[in-house]
Amino acid sequence: MKADGALIRFSPPCFLLVPAATVHGFDWLEDTEGFVVTIANSYAVELFRGDDDLAALFEKPVAFSIEVAEMDRARHGIEGLMQELGWAAPGHRAAVNSAILSLLVIALRHLSAASQAPAGSGAQVTTVARLRDRIERRFRLREPISEYARALGVSQTALRAACAKVAGRSPSELLDQRTLLEARRALLYSNLSIAQIGFSVGFADPAYFSRFFQKQIGTSARSYRNAGVGAGRDWRAS
């Protein structure tokens, strides 16, 4: 799997977790089988409310192998989820929530046992989640990080510490990451010119956008677009 420019290798049976708005793609082997469960971001926020551990599962794309017994549990849970989604019997919503949570608990416990769960206190996880939400709504404005800290009611020092612990990145890197995600998506899936794409993600100067993209990605926006169009692979944005 390639997610946000990083190559993630995995072998079956395995679990893949892909956060919302992640540009990703797969090179499938012949006869590959599996299930895809897509969760709306708004639903996930409500479902994970009060449980920072579950919310932290989707801080970054991850793939991990699981035991056959865990795979059987996951398959059983997904089959139950599909059944519940096919009708509207009493308790339907609770059953759907339960099935999804059961799947995520498998992932959470596996990652926790492997000490791969994101670090940071509950307050820091919440701060980073609020930052990501604000970035999602306002990244096109290219506001300074000081403005994000002010809006979240924390100091810039506390914000930097939370991001370093939970996401392994600085606040400005999270902002740039979201900007680049939108730019790469537009380069691959739209007919907008490179200058128009730069304007759409908050750059008044097309040349500045081009330099920004080259520095962050290591290739020009035009080369990135041409390579993506020529690859012809299964790319998508969650």
C-alpha atoms as a PDB file:
ATOM      1  CA  MET A   1       0.000   0.000   0.000  1.00  0.00           C
ATOM      2  CA  LYS A   2       1.188   3.509  -0.761  1.00  0.00           C
ATOM      3  CA  ALA A   3      -0.294   6.127   1.562  1.00  0.00           C
ATOM      4  CA  ASP A   4       0.563   9.836   1.422  1.00  0.00           C
ATOM      5  CA  GLY A   5       3.699   8.991  -0.525  1.00  0.00           C
ATOM      6  CA  ALA A   6       4.962   6.326   1.907  1.00  0.00           C
ATOM      7  CA  LEU A   7       5.208   2.635   0.974  1.00  0.00           C
ATOM      8  CA  ILE A   8       3.659   0.272   3.538  1.00  0.00           C
ATOM      9  CA  ARG A   9       4.210  -3.438   2.970  1.00  0.00           C
ATOM     10  CA  PHE A  10       1.974  -6.133   4.476  1.00  0.00           C
ATOM     11  CA  SER A  11       1.247  -9.837   4.265  1.00  0.00           C
ATOM     12  CA  PRO A  12      -2.081 -11.622   4.868  1.00  0.00           C
ATOM     13  CA  PRO A  13      -3.929 -12.064   7.080  1.00  0.00           C
ATOM     14  CA  CYS A  14      -3.681  -8.430   8.055  1.00  0.00           C
ATOM     15  CA  PHE A  15      -5.521  -5.307   9.151  1.00  0.00           C
ATOM     16  CA  LEU A  16      -5.210  -1.966   7.355  1.00  0.00           C
ATOM     17  CA  LEU A  17      -6.220   1.331   8.958  1.00  0.00           C
ATOM     18  CA  VAL A  18      -6.395   4.322   6.613  1.00  0.00           C
ATOM     19  CA  PRO A  19      -7.353   7.741   8.044  1.00  0.00           C
ATOM     20  CA  ALA A  20      -9.847   9.999   6.307  1.00  0.00           C
ATOM     21  CA  ALA A  21      -8.477  12.153   3.465  1.00  0.00           C
ATOM     22  CA  THR A  22      -5.422   9.936   2.941  1.00  0.00           C
ATOM     23  CA  VAL A  23      -4.392   9.540  -0.690  1.00  0.00           C
ATOM     24  CA  HIS A  24      -3.650   5.849  -1.001  1.00  0.00           C
ATOM     25  CA  GLY A  25      -3.400   3.041  -3.504  1.00  0.00           C
ATOM     26  CA  PHE A  26      -2.710  -0.684  -3.730  1.00  0.00           C
ATOM     27  CA  ASP A  27      -0.795  -3.141  -5.859  1.00  0.00           C
ATOM     28  CA  TRP A  28      -2.908  -6.267  -5.380  1.00  0.00           C
ATOM     29  CA  LEU A  29      -1.666  -9.813  -5.830  1.00  0.00           C
ATOM     30  CA  GLU A  30      -3.860 -12.130  -7.868  1.00  0.00           C
ATOM     31  CA  ASP A  31      -6.730 -13.739  -5.901  1.00  0.00           C
ATOM     32  CA  THR A  32      -6.505 -11.215  -3.077  1.00  0.00           C
ATOM     33  CA  GLU A  33      -9.609 -11.313  -0.871  1.00  0.00           C
ATOM     34  CA  GLY A  34     -10.820  -9.074   1.907  1.00  0.00           C
ATOM     35  CA  PHE A  35     -13.344  -6.599   3.223  1.00  0.00           C
ATOM     36  CA  VAL A  36     -13.443  -2.795   3.127  1.00  0.00           C
ATOM     37  CA  VAL A  37     -15.306  -0.974   5.895  1.00  0.00           C
ATOM     38  CA  THR A  38     -15.664   2.762   5.267  1.00  0.00           C
ATOM     39  CA  ILE A  39     -16.617   4.995   8.188  1.00  0.00           C
ATOM     40  CA  ALA A  40     -17.775   8.591   7.721  1.00  0.00           C
ATOM     41  CA  ASN A  41     -15.580  11.012   9.657  1.00  0.00           C
ATOM     42  CA  SER A  42     -18.564  12.611  11.399  1.00  0.00           C
ATOM     43  CA  TYR A  43     -19.806   9.176  12.505  1.00  0.00           C
ATOM     44  CA  ALA A  44     -16.342   8.221  13.761  1.00  0.00           C
ATOM     45  CA  VAL A  45     -16.053  11.392  15.849  1.00  0.00           C
ATOM     46  CA  GLU A  46     -19.347  10.575  17.557  1.00  0.00           C
ATOM     47  CA  LEU A  47     -18.531   6.881  17.938  1.00  0.00           C
ATOM     48  CA  PHE A  48     -15.122   7.563  19.499  1.00  0.00           C
ATOM     49  CA  ARG A  49     -16.331  10.323  21.798  1.00  0.00           C
ATOM     50  CA  GLY A  50     -14.836   9.810  25.240  1.00  0.00           C
ATOM     51  CA  ASP A  51     -12.387   7.120  24.081  1.00  0.00           C
ATOM     52  CA  ASP A  52      -9.084   8.705  23.093  1.00  0.00           C
ATOM     53  CA  ASP A  53      -7.467   5.306  22.502  1.00  0.00           C
ATOM     54  CA  LEU A  54      -9.842   4.477  19.648  1.00  0.00           C
ATOM     55  CA  ALA A  55      -9.588   7.958  18.128  1.00  0.00           C
ATOM     56  CA  ALA A  56      -5.791   7.670  18.137  1.00  0.00           C
ATOM     57  CA  LEU A  57      -5.989   4.552  15.918  1.00  0.00           C
ATOM     58  CA  PHE A  58      -6.465   6.802  12.898  1.00  0.00           C
ATOM     59  CA  GLU A  59      -3.575   9.194  13.482  1.00  0.00           C
ATOM     60  CA  LYS A  60      -1.691   7.659  10.543  1.00  0.00           C
ATOM     61  CA  PRO A  61      -1.994   4.850   7.973  1.00  0.00           C
ATOM     62  CA  VAL A  62      -0.908   1.508   9.384  1.00  0.00           C
ATOM     63  CA  ALA A  63      -0.866  -2.149   8.353  1.00  0.00           C
ATOM     64  CA  PHE A  64      -0.227  -5.075  10.695  1.00  0.00           C
ATOM     65  CA  SER A  65      -0.451  -8.846  10.521  1.00  0.00           C
ATOM     66  CA  ILE A  66      -2.930 -10.693  12.715  1.00  0.00           C
ATOM     67  CA  GLU A  67      -3.401 -14.309  13.771  1.00  0.00           C
ATOM     68  CA  VAL A  68      -5.831 -16.560  11.937  1.00  0.00           C
ATOM     69  CA  ALA A  69      -8.086 -16.628  15.026  1.00  0.00           C
ATOM     70  CA  GLU A  70      -8.232 -12.814  15.012  1.00  0.00           C
ATOM     71  CA  MET A  71      -9.001 -12.894  11.305  1.00  0.00           C
ATOM     72  CA  ASP A  72     -11.888 -15.268  11.956  1.00  0.00           C
ATOM     73  CA  ARG A  73     -13.219 -12.903  14.640  1.00  0.00           C
ATOM     74  CA  ALA A  74     -12.904  -9.956  12.265  1.00  0.00           C
ATOM     75  CA  ARG A  75     -14.614 -11.841   9.438  1.00  0.00           C
ATOM     76  CA  HIS A  76     -17.468 -12.846  11.741  1.00  0.00           C
ATOM     77  CA  GLY A  77     -17.829  -9.230  12.875  1.00  0.00           C
ATOM     78  CA  ILE A  78     -17.920  -7.893   9.329  1.00  0.00           C
ATOM     79  CA  GLU A  79     -20.475 -10.482   8.251  1.00  0.00           C
ATOM     80  CA  GLY A  80     -22.634  -9.435  11.203  1.00  0.00           C
ATOM     81  CA  LEU A  81     -22.163  -5.781  10.244  1.00  0.00           C
ATOM     82  CA  MET A  82     -23.254  -6.487   6.667  1.00  0.00           C
ATOM     83  CA  GLN A  83     -26.355  -8.239   7.932  1.00  0.00           C
ATOM     84  CA  GLU A  84     -27.271  -5.325  10.207  1.00  0.00           C
ATOM     85  CA  LEU A  85     -26.754  -2.826   7.389  1.00  0.00           C
ATOM     86  CA  GLY A  86     -29.211  -4.788   5.260  1.00  0.00           C
ATOM     87  CA  TRP A  87     -32.252  -4.265   7.454  1.00  0.00           C
ATOM     88  CA  ALA A  88     -33.756  -1.935  10.064  1.00  0.00           C
ATOM     89  CA  ALA A  89     -34.705  -4.259  12.928  1.00  0.00           C
ATOM     90  CA  PRO A  90     -34.987  -2.913  16.489  1.00  0.00           C
ATOM     91  CA  GLY A  91     -31.545  -2.138  17.896  1.00  0.00           C
ATOM     92  CA  HIS A  92     -30.115  -1.807  14.379  1.00  0.00           C
ATOM     93  CA  ARG A  93     -27.940   1.233  15.129  1.00  0.00           C
ATOM     94  CA  ALA A  94     -26.618  -0.217  18.384  1.00  0.00           C
ATOM     95  CA  ALA A  95     -25.728  -3.462  16.595  1.00  0.00           C
ATOM     96  CA  VAL A  96     -23.865  -1.571  13.854  1.00  0.00           C
ATOM     97  CA  ASN A  97     -21.955   0.473  16.440  1.00  0.00           C
ATOM     98  CA  SER A  98     -21.112  -2.683  18.361  1.00  0.00           C
ATOM     99  CA  ALA A  99     -19.815  -4.486  15.270  1.00  0.00           C
ATOM    100  CA  ILE A 100     -17.573  -1.595  14.238  1.00  0.00           C
ATOM    101  CA  LEU A 101     -16.243  -1.115  17.759  1.00  0.00           C
ATOM    102  CA  SER A 102     -15.460  -4.827  18.005  1.00  0.00           C
ATOM    103  CA  LEU A 103     -13.335  -4.610  14.861  1.00  0.00           C
ATOM    104  CA  LEU A 104     -11.484  -1.563  16.129  1.00  0.00           C
ATOM    105  CA  VAL A 105     -10.844  -3.154  19.520  1.00  0.00           C
ATOM    106  CA  ILE A 106      -9.054  -6.006  17.727  1.00  0.00           C
ATOM    107  CA  ALA A 107      -6.803  -3.422  16.079  1.00  0.00           C
ATOM    108  CA  LEU A 108      -6.331  -1.382  19.250  1.00  0.00           C
ATOM    109  CA  ARG A 109      -5.314  -4.330  21.408  1.00  0.00           C
ATOM    110  CA  HIS A 110      -2.970  -5.672  18.773  1.00  0.00           C
ATOM    111  CA  LEU A 111      -1.216  -2.340  18.360  1.00  0.00           C
ATOM    112  CA  SER A 112      -1.121  -1.713  22.097  1.00  0.00           C
ATOM    113  CA  ALA A 113       0.437  -5.133  22.706  1.00  0.00           C
ATOM    114  CA  ALA A 114       3.096  -4.296  20.126  1.00  0.00           C
ATOM    115  CA  SER A 115       3.676  -0.898  21.796  1.00  0.00           C
ATOM    116  CA  GLN A 116       2.854   0.874  18.562  1.00  0.00           C
ATOM    117  CA  ALA A 117      -0.082   2.897  19.824  1.00  0.00           C
ATOM    118  CA  PRO A 118       0.430   6.676  19.600  1.00  0.00           C
ATOM    119  CA  ALA A 119       1.957   8.218  22.721  1.00  0.00           C
ATOM    120  CA  GLY A 120       0.658  11.193  24.630  1.00  0.00           C
ATOM    121  CA  SER A 121      -1.841  11.918  27.363  1.00  0.00           C
ATOM    122  CA  GLY A 122      -5.571  11.966  26.799  1.00  0.00           C
ATOM    123  CA  ALA A 123      -5.493  15.775  26.845  1.00  0.00           C
ATOM    124  CA  GLN A 124      -2.762  15.842  24.192  1.00  0.00           C
ATOM    125  CA  VAL A 125      -4.649  13.399  21.973  1.00  0.00           C
ATOM    126  CA  THR A 126      -7.736  15.607  22.283  1.00  0.00           C
ATOM    127  CA  THR A 127      -5.713  18.739  21.459  1.00  0.00           C
ATOM    128  CA  VAL A 128      -4.279  17.174  18.313  1.00  0.00           C
ATOM    129  CA  ALA A 129      -7.727  15.916  17.277  1.00  0.00           C
ATOM    130  CA  ARG A 130      -9.113  19.453  17.658  1.00  0.00           C
ATOM    131  CA  LEU A 131      -6.164  20.839  15.707  1.00  0.00           C
ATOM    132  CA  ARG A 132      -6.730  18.377  12.869  1.00  0.00           C
ATOM    133  CA  ASP A 133     -10.413  19.295  12.792  1.00  0.00           C
ATOM    134  CA  ARG A 134      -9.602  23.008  12.565  1.00  0.00           C
ATOM    135  CA  ILE A 135      -6.948  22.390   9.913  1.00  0.00           C
ATOM    136  CA  GLU A 136      -9.499  20.412   7.910  1.00  0.00           C
ATOM    137  CA  ARG A 137     -11.884  23.368   7.948  1.00  0.00           C
ATOM    138  CA  ARG A 138      -9.386  26.194   7.476  1.00  0.00           C
ATOM    139  CA  PHE A 139      -6.173  24.926   5.870  1.00  0.00           C
ATOM    140  CA  ARG A 140      -6.880  26.863   2.655  1.00  0.00           C
ATOM    141  CA  LEU A 141      -6.466  30.103   4.611  1.00  0.00           C
ATOM    142  CA  ARG A 142      -2.807  29.323   5.459  1.00  0.00           C
ATOM    143  CA  GLU A 143      -3.202  30.872   8.905  1.00  0.00           C
ATOM    144  CA  PRO A 144      -0.133  31.026  11.197  1.00  0.00           C
ATOM    145  CA  ILE A 145       0.220  28.367  13.887  1.00  0.00           C
ATOM    146  CA  SER A 146      -0.116  31.087  16.520  1.00  0.00           C
ATOM    147  CA  GLU A 147      -3.685  31.614  15.323  1.00  0.00           C
ATOM    148  CA  TYR A 148      -4.423  27.882  15.626  1.00  0.00           C
ATOM    149  CA  ALA A 149      -3.047  27.845  19.174  1.00  0.00           C
ATOM    150  CA  ARG A 150      -5.111  30.899  20.117  1.00  0.00           C
ATOM    151  CA  ALA A 151      -8.300  29.371  18.699  1.00  0.00           C
ATOM    152  CA  LEU A 152      -7.675  26.098  20.577  1.00  0.00           C
ATOM    153  CA  GLY A 153      -6.958  27.908  23.833  1.00  0.00           C
ATOM    154  CA  VAL A 154      -3.447  26.496  24.302  1.00  0.00           C
ATOM    155  CA  SER A 155       0.048  27.939  24.089  1.00  0.00           C
ATOM    156  CA  GLN A 156       2.173  27.316  21.018  1.00  0.00           C
ATOM    157  CA  THR A 157       4.603  25.392  23.213  1.00  0.00           C
ATOM    158  CA  ALA A 158       1.838  23.088  24.478  1.00  0.00           C
ATOM    159  CA  LEU A 159       0.536  22.630  20.944  1.00  0.00           C
ATOM    160  CA  ARG A 160       3.982  21.701  19.628  1.00  0.00           C
ATOM    161  CA  ALA A 161       4.490  19.249  22.503  1.00  0.00           C
ATOM    162  CA  ALA A 162       1.116  17.567  21.890  1.00  0.00           C
ATOM    163  CA  CYS A 163       1.762  17.217  18.166  1.00  0.00           C
ATOM    164  CA  ALA A 164       5.246  15.811  18.739  1.00  0.00           C
ATOM    165  CA  LYS A 165       3.952  13.210  21.217  1.00  0.00           C
ATOM    166  CA  VAL A 166       0.805  12.147  19.394  1.00  0.00           C
ATOM    167  CA  ALA A 167       1.544  12.695  15.699  1.00  0.00           C
ATOM    168  CA  GLY A 168       5.344  12.803  15.591  1.00  0.00           C
ATOM    169  CA  ARG A 169       5.136  16.049  13.645  1.00  0.00           C
ATOM    170  CA  SER A 170       5.043  19.766  14.362  1.00  0.00           C
ATOM    171  CA  PRO A 171       1.796  21.768  13.956  1.00  0.00           C
ATOM    172  CA  SER A 172       3.148  23.425  10.809  1.00  0.00           C
ATOM    173  CA  GLU A 173       4.017  20.011   9.376  1.00  0.00           C
ATOM    174  CA  LEU A 174       0.441  18.832   9.988  1.00  0.00           C
ATOM    175  CA  LEU A 175      -0.844  21.926   8.209  1.00  0.00           C
ATOM    176  CA  ASP A 176       1.542  21.442   5.288  1.00  0.00           C
ATOM    177  CA  GLN A 177       0.643  17.737   5.154  1.00  0.00           C
ATOM    178  CA  ARG A 178      -3.048  18.580   4.717  1.00  0.00           C
ATOM    179  CA  THR A 179      -2.251  21.226   2.108  1.00  0.00           C
ATOM    180  CA  LEU A 180      -0.107  18.773   0.155  1.00  0.00           C
ATOM    181  CA  LEU A 181      -2.793  16.105   0.394  1.00  0.00           C
ATOM    182  CA  GLU A 182      -5.303  18.441  -1.250  1.00  0.00           C
ATOM    183  CA  ALA A 183      -2.783  19.559  -3.859  1.00  0.00           C
ATOM    184  CA  ARG A 184      -1.833  15.980  -4.773  1.00  0.00           C
ATOM    185  CA  ARG A 185      -5.482  14.995  -4.970  1.00  0.00           C
ATOM    186  CA  ALA A 186      -6.196  17.900  -7.332  1.00  0.00           C
ATOM    187  CA  LEU A 187      -3.160  17.082  -9.468  1.00  0.00           C
ATOM    188  CA  LEU A 188      -4.290  13.471  -9.888  1.00  0.00           C
ATOM    189  CA  TYR A 189      -8.067  13.847 -10.075  1.00  0.00           C
ATOM    190  CA  SER A 190      -8.824  17.274 -11.539  1.00  0.00           C
ATOM    191  CA  ASN A 191      -8.172  19.239 -14.716  1.00  0.00           C
ATOM    192  CA  LEU A 192      -7.230  22.402 -12.835  1.00  0.00           C
ATOM    193  CA  SER A 193      -3.993  24.067 -13.859  1.00  0.00           C
ATOM    194  CA  ILE A 194      -1.110  23.990 -11.399  1.00  0.00           C
ATOM    195  CA  ALA A 195      -1.582  27.705 -10.735  1.00  0.00           C
ATOM    196  CA  GLN A 196      -5.285  27.162 -10.027  1.00  0.00           C
ATOM    197  CA  ILE A 197      -4.452  24.334  -7.640  1.00  0.00           C
ATOM    198  CA  GLY A 198      -2.020  26.604  -5.828  1.00  0.00           C
ATOM    199  CA  PHE A 199      -4.709  29.276  -5.463  1.00  0.00           C
ATOM    200  CA  SER A 200      -7.189  26.676  -4.203  1.00  0.00           C
ATOM    201  CA  VAL A 201      -4.919  25.669  -1.305  1.00  0.00           C
ATOM    202  CA  GLY A 202      -4.093  29.208  -0.225  1.00  0.00           C
ATOM    203  CA  PHE A 203      -1.079  30.313  -2.279  1.00  0.00           C
ATOM    204  CA  ALA A 204      -1.510  33.702  -3.935  1.00  0.00           C
ATOM    205  CA  ASP A 205       1.766  33.272  -5.844  1.00  0.00           C
ATOM    206  CA  PRO A 206       1.891  30.233  -8.211  1.00  0.00           C
ATOM    207  CA  ALA A 207       5.698  30.289  -8.147  1.00  0.00           C
ATOM    208  CA  TYR A 208       5.697  30.055  -4.343  1.00  0.00           C
ATOM    209  CA  PHE A 209       3.314  27.104  -4.509  1.00  0.00           C
ATOM    210  CA  SER A 210       5.566  25.364  -7.039  1.00  0.00           C
ATOM    211  CA  ARG A 211       8.617  25.845  -4.805  1.00  0.00           C
ATOM    212  CA  PHE A 212       6.647  24.648  -1.776  1.00  0.00           C
ATOM    213  CA  PHE A 213       5.510  21.485  -3.587  1.00  0.00           C
ATOM    214  CA  GLN A 214       9.002  20.754  -4.965  1.00  0.00           C
ATOM    215  CA  LYS A 215      10.593  21.134  -1.533  1.00  0.00           C
ATOM    216  CA  GLN A 216       8.022  18.960   0.249  1.00  0.00           C
ATOM    217  CA  ILE A 217       7.581  16.182  -2.320  1.00  0.00           C
ATOM    218  CA  GLY A 218      10.960  16.196  -4.014  1.00  0.00           C
ATOM    219  CA  THR A 219       9.533  16.544  -7.503  1.00  0.00           C
ATOM    220  CA  SER A 220       7.701  19.236  -9.426  1.00  0.00           C
ATOM    221  CA  ALA A 221       3.922  19.413  -9.429  1.00  0.00           C
ATOM    222  CA  ARG A 222       3.895  18.778 -13.171  1.00  0.00           C
ATOM    223  CA  SER A 223       6.099  15.687 -12.876  1.00  0.00           C
ATOM    224  CA  TYR A 224       3.949  14.400 -10.030  1.00  0.00           C
ATOM    225  CA  ARG A 225       0.807  14.800 -12.129  1.00  0.00           C
ATOM    226  CA  ASN A 226       2.353  13.124 -15.175  1.00  0.00           C
ATOM    227  CA  ALA A 227       3.648  10.181 -13.118  1.00  0.00           C
ATOM    228  CA  GLY A 228       0.270   9.669 -11.455  1.00  0.00           C
ATOM    229  CA  VAL A 229      -1.660   9.737 -14.709  1.00  0.00           C
ATOM    230  CA  GLY A 230       0.775   7.325 -16.323  1.00  0.00           C
ATOM    231  CA  ALA A 231       0.778   4.819 -13.481  1.00  0.00           C
ATOM    232  CA  GLY A 232      -2.821   3.712 -14.042  1.00  0.00           C
ATOM    233  CA  ARG A 233      -3.106   2.174 -10.584  1.00  0.00           C
ATOM    234  CA  ASP A 234      -5.904   1.895  -8.041  1.00  0.00           C
ATOM    235  CA  TRP A 235      -5.534   5.287  -6.339  1.00  0.00           C
ATOM    236  CA  ARG A 236      -8.183   6.778  -4.119  1.00  0.00           C
ATOM    237  CA  ALA A 237      -8.638   9.352  -1.384  1.00  0.00           C
ATOM    238  CA  SER A 238     -10.546   8.270   1.713  1.00  0.00           C
END
